[in-house]
Amino acid sequence: MKLLKKFSIAFIASSVLAVSAIAVEPQKGNEKPPPPPKERGEVPRPPKESPPPRDNNNNGNKGNNDGKHGGRP
């Protein structure tokens, strides 16, 4: 009975190793040719609008956050 158990374990282990070796090996005849290179077409960019000038008289975003030190409120 012990001999049968050892043989069955050895058979299962060898079959698992054989199946994993077949699965890892790359399959032949499955290679696809690389796709043809795409033509680079130039995309016209719209002209960039300049931002409105800053008004130095208003006290906009000066970083006054009442003693908070960043992060989430």
Protein backbone atom coordinates (compact mmCIF):
# COMPACT_ATOMS: atom_id res chain seq x y z
CA MET A 1 0.00 0.00 0.00
CA LYS A 2 2.87 2.38 0.81
CA LEU A 3 4.47 1.60 -2.53
CA LEU A 4 1.27 2.41 -4.40
CA LYS A 5 0.94 5.70 -2.53
CA LYS A 6 4.54 6.67 -3.37
CA PHE A 7 4.05 5.80 -7.04
CA SER A 8 0.82 7.77 -7.25
CA ILE A 9 2.41 10.83 -5.61
CA ALA A 10 5.41 10.60 -7.96
CA PHE A 11 3.12 10.25 -10.99
CA ILE A 12 1.01 13.24 -9.99
CA ALA A 13 4.08 15.37 -9.27
CA SER A 14 5.70 14.52 -12.60
CA SER A 15 2.49 15.19 -14.51
CA VAL A 16 2.09 18.57 -12.79
CA LEU A 17 5.65 19.48 -13.71
CA ALA A 18 5.13 18.39 -17.32
CA VAL A 19 1.92 20.39 -17.67
CA SER A 20 3.54 23.51 -16.18
CA ALA A 21 6.52 23.16 -18.55
CA ILE A 22 4.18 22.93 -21.53
CA ALA A 23 2.16 25.93 -20.36
CA VAL A 24 5.24 28.12 -19.89
CA GLU A 25 6.79 27.23 -23.26
CA PRO A 26 5.75 29.72 -25.97
CA GLN A 27 3.53 28.27 -28.66
CA LYS A 28 4.96 28.17 -32.16
CA GLY A 29 3.05 29.58 -35.11
CA ASN A 30 1.12 31.99 -32.91
CA GLU A 31 3.25 35.04 -33.69
CA LYS A 32 1.47 37.89 -35.42
CA PRO A 33 3.34 40.33 -37.64
CA PRO A 34 3.83 43.76 -36.09
CA PRO A 35 1.25 46.35 -37.11
CA PRO A 36 2.25 48.82 -39.80
CA PRO A 37 3.55 52.15 -38.50
CA LYS A 38 1.01 54.93 -38.25
CA GLU A 39 1.51 58.17 -40.11
CA ARG A 40 2.03 61.13 -37.84
CA GLY A 41 -0.46 63.77 -38.79
CA GLU A 42 0.04 67.28 -37.50
CA VAL A 43 -2.84 68.59 -35.45
CA PRO A 44 -3.23 72.37 -35.61
CA ARG A 45 -3.30 73.87 -32.15
CA PRO A 46 -5.62 76.78 -31.43
CA PRO A 47 -3.88 80.04 -30.51
CA LYS A 48 -3.36 80.38 -26.79
CA GLU A 49 -5.23 83.26 -25.23
CA SER A 50 -3.31 85.33 -22.76
CA PRO A 51 -4.87 85.61 -19.29
CA PRO A 52 -6.32 88.94 -18.18
CA PRO A 53 -3.85 91.23 -16.44
CA ARG A 54 -3.71 91.10 -12.67
CA ASP A 55 -5.23 93.89 -10.70
CA ASN A 56 -2.80 94.82 -7.95
CA ASN A 57 -5.40 96.80 -6.02
CA ASN A 58 -7.71 93.97 -5.06
CA ASN A 59 -6.72 91.69 -2.22
CA GLY A 60 -7.53 88.44 -3.99
CA ASN A 61 -5.93 85.18 -3.08
CA LYS A 62 -3.29 86.26 -0.61
CA GLY A 63 -3.21 82.98 1.28
CA ASN A 64 -5.10 84.23 4.31
CA ASN A 65 -6.64 81.08 5.72
CA ASP A 66 -7.06 82.08 9.38
CA GLY A 67 -4.25 80.12 10.91
CA LYS A 68 -4.93 76.87 9.06
CA HIS A 69 -1.88 75.05 7.76
CA GLY A 70 -3.18 73.47 4.56
CA GLY A 71 -4.69 70.04 4.15
CA ARG A 72 -8.39 69.28 4.16
CA PRO A 73 -10.77 71.52 6.08
